[in-house]
Amino acid sequence: MTDLPSPATARSRSSGWRPLWIVLSALGVLLVIAANVHLVYVAIRSQPACVDHVKSLDVSNEMFRAAKPSC
């Protein structure tokens, strides 16, 4: 007869990888959350400088003006 591993033995060998996949998945989720938190932080903390823009609609140059200038 050949020595085949029992189903319980085969299952115990493959389940050794389960904690590694759980940890890697958790790290991936944490990485995505951290990236989103960083993007929100940068969006809140950044204050873009005032940019020169056309004060009124200039049809001859086809330039647009700011919808609501802040400066």
C-alpha atoms as a PDB file:
ATOM      1  CA  MET A   1       0.000   0.000   0.000  1.00  0.00           C
ATOM      2  CA  THR A   2       1.068   3.557  -0.560  1.00  0.00           C
ATOM      3  CA  ASP A   3       1.370   5.993   2.281  1.00  0.00           C
ATOM      4  CA  LEU A   4      -1.179   8.671   1.487  1.00  0.00           C
ATOM      5  CA  PRO A   5      -1.668  11.463   3.978  1.00  0.00           C
ATOM      6  CA  SER A   6      -4.964  11.405   5.754  1.00  0.00           C
ATOM      7  CA  PRO A   7      -7.408  14.243   5.017  1.00  0.00           C
ATOM      8  CA  ALA A   8      -6.819  15.631   8.515  1.00  0.00           C
ATOM      9  CA  THR A   9      -3.055  15.800   7.905  1.00  0.00           C
ATOM     10  CA  ALA A  10      -3.486  17.490   4.517  1.00  0.00           C
ATOM     11  CA  ARG A  11      -5.855  20.019   6.053  1.00  0.00           C
ATOM     12  CA  SER A  12      -3.480  20.860   8.903  1.00  0.00           C
ATOM     13  CA  ARG A  13      -0.624  21.521   6.466  1.00  0.00           C
ATOM     14  CA  SER A  14      -2.637  23.930   4.324  1.00  0.00           C
ATOM     15  CA  SER A  15      -4.144  25.734   7.317  1.00  0.00           C
ATOM     16  CA  GLY A  16      -0.657  26.875   8.340  1.00  0.00           C
ATOM     17  CA  TRP A  17      -0.887  29.549   5.645  1.00  0.00           C
ATOM     18  CA  ARG A  18      -4.210  30.914   6.889  1.00  0.00           C
ATOM     19  CA  PRO A  19      -2.750  33.223   9.606  1.00  0.00           C
ATOM     20  CA  LEU A  20      -0.264  34.630   7.087  1.00  0.00           C
ATOM     21  CA  TRP A  21      -3.053  35.487   4.620  1.00  0.00           C
ATOM     22  CA  ILE A  22      -5.142  37.042   7.394  1.00  0.00           C
ATOM     23  CA  VAL A  23      -2.212  39.217   8.474  1.00  0.00           C
ATOM     24  CA  LEU A  24      -1.403  40.226   4.884  1.00  0.00           C
ATOM     25  CA  SER A  25      -5.041  41.075   4.209  1.00  0.00           C
ATOM     26  CA  ALA A  26      -5.244  43.164   7.380  1.00  0.00           C
ATOM     27  CA  LEU A  27      -2.060  45.017   6.411  1.00  0.00           C
ATOM     28  CA  GLY A  28      -3.481  45.716   2.958  1.00  0.00           C
ATOM     29  CA  VAL A  29      -6.694  47.111   4.424  1.00  0.00           C
ATOM     30  CA  LEU A  30      -4.703  49.251   6.883  1.00  0.00           C
ATOM     31  CA  LEU A  31      -2.563  50.558   4.020  1.00  0.00           C
ATOM     32  CA  VAL A  32      -5.649  51.633   2.060  1.00  0.00           C
ATOM     33  CA  ILE A  33      -7.158  53.298   5.144  1.00  0.00           C
ATOM     34  CA  ALA A  34      -3.887  55.099   5.920  1.00  0.00           C
ATOM     35  CA  ALA A  35      -3.628  56.360   2.327  1.00  0.00           C
ATOM     36  CA  ASN A  36      -7.178  57.721   2.449  1.00  0.00           C
ATOM     37  CA  VAL A  37      -6.577  59.399   5.815  1.00  0.00           C
ATOM     38  CA  HIS A  38      -3.441  61.015   4.386  1.00  0.00           C
ATOM     39  CA  LEU A  39      -5.342  62.302   1.342  1.00  0.00           C
ATOM     40  CA  VAL A  40      -8.037  63.828   3.551  1.00  0.00           C
ATOM     41  CA  TYR A  41      -5.379  65.391   5.806  1.00  0.00           C
ATOM     42  CA  VAL A  42      -3.533  66.941   2.851  1.00  0.00           C
ATOM     43  CA  ALA A  43      -6.784  68.199   1.335  1.00  0.00           C
ATOM     44  CA  ILE A  44      -7.786  69.895   4.597  1.00  0.00           C
ATOM     45  CA  ARG A  45      -4.382  71.330   5.489  1.00  0.00           C
ATOM     46  CA  SER A  46      -3.373  72.645   2.055  1.00  0.00           C
ATOM     47  CA  GLN A  47      -4.209  76.208   1.179  1.00  0.00           C
ATOM     48  CA  PRO A  48      -3.625  76.877  -2.506  1.00  0.00           C
ATOM     49  CA  ALA A  49      -2.274  80.281  -3.454  1.00  0.00           C
ATOM     50  CA  CYS A  50      -4.412  82.798  -5.263  1.00  0.00           C
ATOM     51  CA  VAL A  51      -4.097  82.438  -9.034  1.00  0.00           C
ATOM     52  CA  ASP A  52      -4.433  85.303 -11.466  1.00  0.00           C
ATOM     53  CA  HIS A  53      -7.628  85.055 -13.456  1.00  0.00           C
ATOM     54  CA  VAL A  54      -9.722  87.154 -15.775  1.00  0.00           C
ATOM     55  CA  LYS A  55     -12.044  89.428 -13.787  1.00  0.00           C
ATOM     56  CA  SER A  56     -14.778  89.461 -16.421  1.00  0.00           C
ATOM     57  CA  LEU A  57     -15.646  87.336 -19.414  1.00  0.00           C
ATOM     58  CA  ASP A  58     -13.304  88.237 -22.259  1.00  0.00           C
ATOM     59  CA  VAL A  59     -14.941  86.927 -25.421  1.00  0.00           C
ATOM     60  CA  SER A  60     -12.133  88.084 -27.716  1.00  0.00           C
ATOM     61  CA  ASN A  61      -9.509  85.861 -25.994  1.00  0.00           C
ATOM     62  CA  GLU A  62     -11.995  83.113 -25.123  1.00  0.00           C
ATOM     63  CA  MET A  63     -10.746  83.111 -21.541  1.00  0.00           C
ATOM     64  CA  PHE A  64     -12.911  82.091 -18.650  1.00  0.00           C
ATOM     65  CA  ARG A  65     -13.140  83.753 -15.268  1.00  0.00           C
ATOM     66  CA  ALA A  66     -13.347  82.165 -11.854  1.00  0.00           C
ATOM     67  CA  ALA A  67     -16.861  81.236 -10.813  1.00  0.00           C
ATOM     68  CA  LYS A  68     -16.350  82.706  -7.347  1.00  0.00           C
ATOM     69  CA  PRO A  69     -12.907  84.222  -6.782  1.00  0.00           C
ATOM     70  CA  SER A  70     -11.577  84.001  -3.246  1.00  0.00           C
ATOM     71  CA  CYS A  71      -8.996  86.795  -3.477  1.00  0.00           C
END
